[in-house]
Structures are given as C-alpha cells and as structure tokens.
Amino acid sequence: MRDDRLAEIIAAHTHREGALLPILNDVQAAFGCVDEDAVRSIAAALNLSRAEVHGVISFYHDYKAKADPRPVLKLCRAEACQARGVEALVADAQATAGERVHIETVYCLGLCSVGPAAMANGNVHARLDAQRLNTLIEAL
C-alpha cells in the first residue's frame, strides 16, 4: 500500500519540469518523512543519483528521514522575534511541551512586526506571550 501511494505521488509529478520538490513535499505530507526507500524510488524515477536527492532533502529542514508522530510547533527565533522577547518564552514552552510536542526552531515565519510568532498545524500565531504560547502547545 505504501509503495502504491509512493508510486502515485511520483507519477503525478514526473511530467513536470522541476518535479523533485513537489514530489518531496507530497511524500513528506503523506508519510511524515522521506525515508531511504522513497529516496531510491524518487531518484530512479527522475534519473537522479540518490546523492542528488539526499542533497536537496538535507538542505531543506522540513524534510525528515524518520517520521515523528508528535505534533510540531515551529517557533520563530529570528532576530525580529528575539527583539520582541521570544527567548524569554523558550524554556517555559519546552517544559510545557515535554516529550509530547516537538518544538522546532525556525528562522522567520514572515510575521516580523507581530512576533513572537509560531506555526502549528499550518496556522501561524502571532503576538505570543507565555500564556498564549502554552495554551497553543497544550492544544496540540
């Protein structure tokens, strides 16, 4: 079943110029990771080496080699969010998250004027303080 779904994803994009990133995006979304089996299949379908595919995967932080079942909170720690106090929120957020929620540092969600900012489930949240951030983490 997984192999069938992977083949469908690859087939849906192989006709496109620059098919690698759309394929990687869909594989990551479908399986929660782009594992070695997927790398092999993608490389073969696009006539690329596994090293070329791996190079792209390792460049972008959103692609994971192993699926992590935990929900992810992407917390912006870029300069603008630092200037707005995100660093003071980190320790408490990590304590609230514990092992249940994965907090991932990102550098810019594009909400520089309304930081500190975070992204959860594809939704961005701005003007975070300790209470709002902890509520967001607990809701995941």
Protein backbone atom coordinates (compact mmCIF):
# COMPACT_ATOMS: atom_id res chain seq x y z
CA MET A 1 0.00 0.00 0.00
CA ARG A 2 2.79 2.45 0.89
CA ASP A 3 4.65 1.53 -2.30
CA ASP A 4 1.49 2.10 -4.33
CA ARG A 5 0.94 5.52 -2.77
CA LEU A 6 4.59 6.46 -3.35
CA ALA A 7 4.31 5.41 -7.00
CA GLU A 8 1.14 7.52 -7.36
CA ILE A 9 2.88 10.58 -5.92
CA ILE A 10 5.87 10.18 -8.21
CA ALA A 11 3.70 9.57 -11.28
CA ALA A 12 1.64 12.68 -10.54
CA HIS A 13 4.73 14.88 -10.92
CA THR A 14 7.23 13.21 -13.26
CA HIS A 15 5.84 15.08 -16.27
CA ARG A 16 6.69 18.44 -14.66
CA GLU A 17 9.89 20.36 -15.02
CA GLY A 18 11.43 20.61 -11.57
CA ALA A 19 9.43 17.68 -10.23
CA LEU A 20 11.72 16.89 -7.28
CA LEU A 21 10.41 19.43 -4.77
CA PRO A 22 6.70 18.76 -5.43
CA ILE A 23 7.38 15.03 -5.06
CA LEU A 24 9.31 15.54 -1.83
CA ASN A 25 6.56 17.79 -0.46
CA ASP A 26 3.87 15.22 -1.21
CA VAL A 27 5.92 12.30 0.16
CA GLN A 28 6.66 14.22 3.38
CA ALA A 29 2.95 15.09 3.75
CA ALA A 30 1.78 11.54 3.03
CA PHE A 31 4.23 9.61 5.17
CA GLY A 32 5.68 12.12 7.63
CA CYS A 33 9.16 11.55 6.23
CA VAL A 34 11.21 10.91 3.12
CA ASP A 35 12.98 7.67 4.03
CA GLU A 36 15.72 5.84 2.15
CA ASP A 37 13.26 3.67 0.20
CA ALA A 38 11.50 6.80 -1.03
CA VAL A 39 14.83 8.40 -1.95
CA ARG A 40 15.72 5.37 -4.07
CA SER A 41 12.37 5.38 -5.86
CA ILE A 42 12.40 9.13 -6.47
CA ALA A 43 15.97 9.09 -7.76
CA ALA A 44 15.22 6.24 -10.16
CA ALA A 45 12.05 7.89 -11.47
CA LEU A 46 13.76 11.24 -12.08
CA ASN A 47 17.03 9.78 -13.36
CA LEU A 48 18.95 11.39 -10.50
CA SER A 49 21.51 9.91 -8.15
CA ARG A 50 20.46 9.18 -4.59
CA ALA A 51 23.10 11.72 -3.53
CA GLU A 52 21.37 14.44 -5.56
CA VAL A 53 18.02 13.69 -3.94
CA HIS A 54 19.61 13.47 -0.49
CA GLY A 55 21.35 16.81 -1.07
CA VAL A 56 18.00 18.51 -1.60
CA ILE A 57 16.43 16.75 1.39
CA SER A 58 19.28 17.71 3.69
CA PHE A 59 19.19 21.35 2.51
CA TYR A 60 15.54 21.89 3.48
CA HIS A 61 14.71 21.45 7.17
CA ASP A 62 11.09 20.38 6.61
CA TYR A 63 12.07 17.02 5.17
CA LYS A 64 12.63 14.31 7.76
CA ALA A 65 14.33 10.93 7.32
CA LYS A 66 12.13 9.36 10.03
CA ALA A 67 8.52 10.05 10.85
CA ASP A 68 7.86 11.66 14.23
CA PRO A 69 4.28 11.07 15.39
CA ARG A 70 4.34 14.04 17.75
CA PRO A 71 2.69 17.32 16.76
CA VAL A 72 5.16 20.05 15.77
CA LEU A 73 5.26 23.65 16.91
CA LYS A 74 7.56 25.79 14.78
CA LEU A 75 8.80 28.62 16.95
CA CYS A 76 10.41 31.59 15.24
CA ARG A 77 13.69 32.59 16.83
CA ALA A 78 14.88 35.03 14.16
CA GLU A 79 16.13 38.48 15.08
CA ALA A 80 12.77 40.27 14.96
CA CYS A 81 11.12 37.71 17.25
CA GLN A 82 14.17 37.82 19.52
CA ALA A 83 13.76 41.60 19.75
CA ARG A 84 10.14 41.02 20.73
CA GLY A 85 11.03 38.60 23.55
CA VAL A 86 10.81 35.07 22.16
CA GLU A 87 13.90 33.88 24.04
CA ALA A 88 12.18 34.53 27.38
CA LEU A 89 9.39 32.14 26.30
CA VAL A 90 11.53 29.19 25.17
CA ALA A 91 12.28 27.43 28.48
CA ASP A 92 8.67 27.55 29.66
CA ALA A 93 7.42 26.39 26.25
CA GLN A 94 9.80 23.44 26.27
CA ALA A 95 8.67 22.49 29.77
CA THR A 96 5.02 22.63 28.70
CA ALA A 97 5.74 20.60 25.55
CA GLY A 98 7.78 17.95 27.32
CA GLU A 99 8.11 14.89 25.10
CA ARG A 100 4.56 15.20 23.80
CA VAL A 101 5.10 18.10 21.37
CA HIS A 102 8.19 18.67 19.23
CA ILE A 103 9.29 22.31 19.30
CA GLU A 104 11.27 23.12 16.19
CA THR A 105 13.22 26.33 15.82
CA VAL A 106 12.65 28.19 12.57
CA TYR A 107 14.14 31.44 11.39
CA CYS A 108 11.33 33.65 10.12
CA LEU A 109 7.68 32.95 9.58
CA GLY A 110 7.19 36.33 7.93
CA LEU A 111 5.42 37.90 10.90
CA CYS A 112 8.29 40.11 11.98
CA SER A 113 6.17 43.08 13.05
CA VAL A 114 3.83 40.99 15.20
CA GLY A 115 6.19 38.49 16.84
CA PRO A 116 6.92 36.40 18.73
CA ALA A 117 5.40 34.02 16.22
CA ALA A 118 4.86 30.29 15.87
CA MET A 119 3.25 27.86 13.44
CA ALA A 120 1.17 24.84 14.41
CA ASN A 121 -0.87 22.64 12.07
CA GLY A 122 -0.16 25.03 9.21
CA ASN A 123 -1.62 28.01 11.07
CA VAL A 124 0.51 30.94 12.16
CA HIS A 125 0.10 32.57 15.55
CA ALA A 126 1.48 35.99 16.41
CA ARG A 127 1.93 38.30 19.38
CA LEU A 128 2.63 35.31 21.61
CA ASP A 129 3.22 35.68 25.30
CA ALA A 130 3.89 32.86 27.76
CA GLN A 131 0.20 32.15 28.38
CA ARG A 132 -0.82 32.16 24.70
CA LEU A 133 2.16 30.00 23.72
CA ASN A 134 1.48 27.44 26.45
CA THR A 135 -2.22 27.33 25.51
CA LEU A 136 -1.21 26.71 21.90
CA ILE A 137 1.15 23.89 22.92
CA GLU A 138 -1.45 22.26 25.17
CA ALA A 139 -3.98 22.34 22.31
CA LEU A 140 -1.72 20.30 20.04
